[in-house]
Amino acid sequence: MASELRVIPVGGFPEIEAGADIGTMIADTGLIESGDVVVIAQKIVSKAEGRMVPALTREDARAAARREAKRIVRETENHLIVETHHGFVCANAGVDMSNVPEGVVALLPKDSDRSAARIRATLEERIGRPIAVIVSDTFGRAWRIGQTNVAIGSSGIAAVRSYDGRSDPAGHELVVTQIAQIDELAAAAELVMDKLDRIPVAIVRGYRFSGDGTAQELVRPPEMDLFR
């Protein structure tokens, strides 16, 4: 594990339009180094992939969320919690009216893991060194107040760091200790990706990683979910 990490904001991007090459735009900043973890806000990925639909009102946005839902978990006058077609359980199916042009909302990418893999391929081709890419979004948490960023797409890094089978300093064997490292990296990056400052990308530097997993691996299967 790294003894020190740097989290570097990457701003200066223009308004992202459908068809934009996010990987090339990030590479052109000249900031990416070998071994970096590049965390990218879902919003610019959705914009680049044309995942925008018309919505003039919050009720229009809620209707879009229902279309993106595989299952309604809880609905009240002010809240809509759904399970998306990706398997994510989140508010409003990730449909977002912030930081988008008037009259539209952004949907989640159809396959954020594939998006991460495509951007990673572009970046690695440009810099000639291995990196990891995480697509992040802001989710609430069932047991705690407030939101945090999590990984909804990932490429080039294992989704979890497992301690199972290892012993702690007291000699106790660890049995169920799997750290969702891509979520932790997404959350760390969000601290410099201020939602009001138009910083959609951050670099986490100094984190030693290996493997190649996907964010889908963090979706708990229904048979293991004690709350469904």
Protein backbone atom coordinates (compact mmCIF):
# COMPACT_ATOMS: atom_id res chain seq x y z
CA MET A 1 0.00 0.00 0.00
CA ALA A 2 1.07 3.55 -0.61
CA SER A 3 2.38 5.58 2.31
CA GLU A 4 1.28 8.81 0.64
CA LEU A 5 -1.29 9.71 -2.01
CA ARG A 6 -1.83 12.82 -4.10
CA VAL A 7 -5.25 13.75 -5.47
CA ILE A 8 -4.90 16.18 -8.37
CA PRO A 9 -7.85 18.08 -9.87
CA VAL A 10 -7.98 18.31 -13.66
CA GLY A 11 -10.10 21.17 -14.97
CA GLY A 12 -10.24 23.40 -18.01
CA PHE A 13 -12.55 21.23 -20.09
CA PRO A 14 -15.07 22.82 -22.45
CA GLU A 15 -18.76 21.94 -22.33
CA ILE A 16 -18.88 18.27 -23.36
CA GLU A 17 -21.03 17.42 -26.36
CA ALA A 18 -22.19 14.11 -27.80
CA GLY A 19 -19.35 12.35 -29.61
CA ALA A 20 -16.57 13.99 -27.58
CA ASP A 21 -13.47 11.83 -27.10
CA ILE A 22 -13.00 12.01 -23.34
CA GLY A 23 -9.83 9.91 -23.38
CA THR A 24 -8.10 12.17 -25.88
CA MET A 25 -9.20 15.30 -24.02
CA ILE A 26 -7.70 13.98 -20.78
CA ALA A 27 -4.52 12.84 -22.53
CA ASP A 28 -4.12 16.29 -24.08
CA THR A 29 -3.79 17.84 -20.61
CA GLY A 30 -0.35 16.22 -20.40
CA LEU A 31 -0.91 15.42 -16.72
CA ILE A 32 -1.32 11.64 -16.78
CA GLU A 33 1.61 9.54 -15.57
CA SER A 34 2.26 5.81 -15.38
CA GLY A 35 0.40 4.17 -12.51
CA ASP A 36 -2.17 6.94 -12.12
CA VAL A 37 -5.78 6.21 -11.26
CA VAL A 38 -7.92 8.57 -13.36
CA VAL A 39 -11.34 9.24 -11.86
CA ILE A 40 -13.93 10.72 -14.22
CA ALA A 41 -17.31 12.16 -13.30
CA GLN A 42 -20.16 10.21 -14.82
CA LYS A 43 -21.77 13.39 -16.10
CA ILE A 44 -19.18 14.10 -18.80
CA VAL A 45 -19.20 10.44 -19.88
CA SER A 46 -22.97 10.55 -20.24
CA LYS A 47 -22.78 13.78 -22.22
CA ALA A 48 -20.12 12.37 -24.55
CA GLU A 49 -22.20 9.24 -25.11
CA GLY A 50 -25.36 11.21 -25.86
CA ARG A 51 -27.18 9.99 -22.76
CA MET A 52 -29.32 13.11 -22.48
CA VAL A 53 -33.11 13.25 -22.74
CA PRO A 54 -35.59 16.14 -22.70
CA ALA A 55 -37.03 17.08 -19.31
CA LEU A 56 -38.53 20.48 -18.51
CA THR A 57 -39.75 19.73 -15.00
CA ARG A 58 -38.83 17.55 -12.04
CA GLU A 59 -41.81 15.35 -12.90
CA ASP A 60 -40.31 14.86 -16.38
CA ALA A 61 -37.06 13.87 -14.69
CA ARG A 62 -38.90 11.44 -12.43
CA ALA A 63 -40.59 9.90 -15.47
CA ALA A 64 -37.14 9.43 -17.04
CA ALA A 65 -35.98 7.77 -13.82
CA ARG A 66 -38.88 5.34 -13.94
CA ARG A 67 -37.95 4.39 -17.50
CA GLU A 68 -34.39 3.69 -16.35
CA ALA A 69 -35.58 1.56 -13.43
CA LYS A 70 -35.78 -2.20 -13.36
CA ARG A 71 -37.54 -2.04 -9.99
CA ILE A 72 -38.99 0.68 -7.78
CA VAL A 73 -37.59 0.21 -4.28
CA ARG A 74 -39.36 3.11 -2.55
CA GLU A 75 -41.36 6.05 -3.80
CA THR A 76 -42.71 9.01 -1.86
CA GLU A 77 -43.69 12.52 -2.87
CA ASN A 78 -40.08 13.67 -2.52
CA HIS A 79 -38.07 10.49 -3.02
CA LEU A 80 -37.70 7.84 -5.69
CA ILE A 81 -35.31 4.97 -4.94
CA VAL A 82 -34.92 2.41 -7.70
CA GLU A 83 -32.84 -0.49 -8.87
CA THR A 84 -31.48 0.44 -12.30
CA HIS A 85 -31.00 -1.91 -15.22
CA HIS A 86 -27.31 -1.96 -14.22
CA GLY A 87 -28.25 -3.31 -10.78
CA PHE A 88 -27.43 -0.09 -8.90
CA VAL A 89 -29.83 0.87 -6.10
CA CYS A 90 -29.89 4.65 -6.02
CA ALA A 91 -32.02 7.77 -5.99
CA ASN A 92 -33.78 8.70 -9.24
CA ALA A 93 -31.94 5.99 -11.22
CA GLY A 94 -29.00 8.37 -11.39
CA VAL A 95 -31.02 10.80 -13.54
CA ASP A 96 -29.59 14.27 -12.90
CA MET A 97 -30.69 17.82 -13.70
CA SER A 98 -27.52 19.52 -12.40
CA ASN A 99 -24.66 20.72 -14.60
CA VAL A 100 -26.62 20.09 -17.79
CA PRO A 101 -28.23 22.52 -20.28
CA GLU A 102 -31.74 23.77 -19.56
CA GLY A 103 -34.49 21.40 -20.65
CA VAL A 104 -32.58 18.11 -20.49
CA VAL A 105 -31.42 15.58 -17.91
CA ALA A 106 -28.46 13.22 -17.94
CA LEU A 107 -28.91 9.46 -17.69
CA LEU A 108 -26.24 7.06 -16.49
CA PRO A 109 -24.06 5.55 -19.23
CA LYS A 110 -25.48 2.31 -20.61
CA ASP A 111 -22.34 0.42 -19.58
CA SER A 112 -19.94 2.43 -17.43
CA ASP A 113 -17.42 -0.41 -17.22
CA ARG A 114 -17.19 -0.43 -21.01
CA SER A 115 -16.88 3.36 -20.99
CA ALA A 116 -14.01 3.14 -18.49
CA ALA A 117 -12.26 0.48 -20.58
CA ARG A 118 -12.54 2.57 -23.74
CA ILE A 119 -11.15 5.70 -22.08
CA ARG A 120 -8.36 3.69 -20.47
CA ALA A 121 -7.38 2.21 -23.86
CA THR A 122 -7.06 5.70 -25.33
CA LEU A 123 -5.00 6.98 -22.41
CA GLU A 124 -2.66 3.99 -22.34
CA GLU A 125 -2.14 4.25 -26.09
CA ARG A 126 -1.19 7.91 -25.70
CA ILE A 127 1.14 7.62 -22.68
CA GLY A 128 2.40 4.10 -23.34
CA ARG A 129 2.11 3.07 -19.69
CA PRO A 130 -0.50 1.24 -17.58
CA ILE A 131 -3.10 3.28 -15.72
CA ALA A 132 -6.54 2.65 -14.22
CA VAL A 133 -9.80 4.47 -14.96
CA ILE A 134 -12.82 4.85 -12.69
CA VAL A 135 -16.15 6.42 -13.67
CA SER A 136 -17.72 7.87 -10.53
CA ASP A 137 -21.12 9.11 -9.47
CA THR A 138 -22.65 10.45 -6.26
CA PHE A 139 -24.80 7.98 -4.30
CA GLY A 140 -26.59 8.13 -0.98
CA ARG A 141 -26.14 5.39 1.62
CA ALA A 142 -28.86 3.44 3.36
CA TRP A 143 -27.28 3.60 6.80
CA ARG A 144 -25.73 7.08 6.85
CA ILE A 145 -26.69 10.69 6.15
CA GLY A 146 -25.11 12.44 3.16
CA GLN A 147 -23.72 11.31 -0.16
CA THR A 148 -20.37 10.06 -1.34
CA ASN A 149 -18.89 9.25 -4.71
CA VAL A 150 -18.71 5.60 -5.73
CA ALA A 151 -17.40 3.76 -8.76
CA ILE A 152 -20.05 2.89 -11.34
CA GLY A 153 -17.43 1.93 -13.94
CA SER A 154 -13.87 0.68 -13.67
CA SER A 155 -11.02 -0.69 -15.78
CA GLY A 156 -7.43 -1.63 -15.06
CA ILE A 157 -7.74 -2.18 -11.30
CA ALA A 158 -9.29 -4.91 -9.14
CA ALA A 159 -12.62 -3.83 -7.69
CA VAL A 160 -11.80 -5.03 -4.18
CA ARG A 161 -8.70 -5.48 -2.08
CA SER A 162 -9.20 -8.68 -0.11
CA TYR A 163 -7.62 -9.55 3.21
CA ASP A 164 -9.45 -12.87 3.51
CA GLY A 165 -7.22 -15.62 4.87
CA ARG A 166 -4.58 -13.22 6.17
CA SER A 167 -3.86 -12.66 9.86
CA ASP A 168 -4.02 -9.37 11.72
CA PRO A 169 -1.18 -8.30 14.11
CA ALA A 170 -2.93 -10.15 16.96
CA GLY A 171 -2.88 -13.39 14.98
CA HIS A 172 -6.60 -13.49 14.16
CA GLU A 173 -7.47 -14.75 10.70
CA LEU A 174 -9.49 -12.28 8.65
CA VAL A 175 -12.54 -13.93 7.12
CA VAL A 176 -14.81 -11.25 5.62
CA THR A 177 -12.59 -8.25 4.91
CA GLN A 178 -12.90 -6.99 1.36
CA ILE A 179 -12.15 -3.30 0.84
CA ALA A 180 -14.04 -1.73 -2.06
CA GLN A 181 -10.95 0.13 -3.21
CA ILE A 182 -12.49 1.58 -6.37
CA ASP A 183 -15.23 3.18 -4.27
CA GLU A 184 -12.65 4.57 -1.85
CA LEU A 185 -10.63 6.03 -4.72
CA ALA A 186 -13.77 7.56 -6.23
CA ALA A 187 -14.63 9.14 -2.88
CA ALA A 188 -11.10 10.51 -2.44
CA ALA A 189 -11.18 12.05 -5.91
CA GLU A 190 -14.51 13.77 -5.23
CA LEU A 191 -12.86 15.93 -2.59
CA VAL A 192 -11.15 17.93 -5.35
CA MET A 193 -13.88 17.52 -8.01
CA ASP A 194 -16.09 20.27 -6.62
CA LYS A 195 -19.55 20.18 -8.20
CA LEU A 196 -19.57 23.98 -8.56
CA ASP A 197 -16.07 24.40 -10.02
CA ARG A 198 -16.47 22.34 -13.23
CA ILE A 199 -13.69 19.89 -12.39
CA PRO A 200 -14.87 16.59 -13.88
CA VAL A 201 -11.60 14.63 -13.62
CA ALA A 202 -9.13 13.90 -10.86
CA ILE A 203 -5.90 11.90 -10.71
CA VAL A 204 -5.09 9.74 -7.70
CA ARG A 205 -1.31 9.31 -7.74
CA GLY A 206 0.80 7.02 -5.58
CA TYR A 207 -1.73 4.23 -5.08
CA ARG A 208 -0.27 0.84 -5.93
CA PHE A 209 -2.83 -1.36 -7.61
CA SER A 210 -3.10 -4.55 -9.62
CA GLY A 211 -5.69 -6.71 -11.30
CA ASP A 212 -8.47 -5.71 -13.66
CA GLY A 213 -12.01 -5.71 -12.32
CA THR A 214 -15.28 -3.96 -12.98
CA ALA A 215 -17.68 -1.91 -10.91
CA GLN A 216 -20.34 -4.52 -11.62
CA GLU A 217 -18.45 -6.82 -9.28
CA LEU A 218 -19.54 -4.59 -6.38
CA VAL A 219 -23.26 -5.04 -7.10
CA ARG A 220 -24.48 -7.42 -4.39
CA PRO A 221 -26.41 -10.37 -5.86
CA PRO A 222 -30.07 -10.55 -4.74
CA GLU A 223 -29.51 -13.84 -2.91
CA MET A 224 -26.86 -12.14 -0.76
CA ASP A 225 -28.89 -8.97 -0.11
CA LEU A 226 -30.51 -9.10 3.32
CA PHE A 227 -32.59 -5.98 2.67
CA ARG A 228 -34.53 -6.85 -0.48
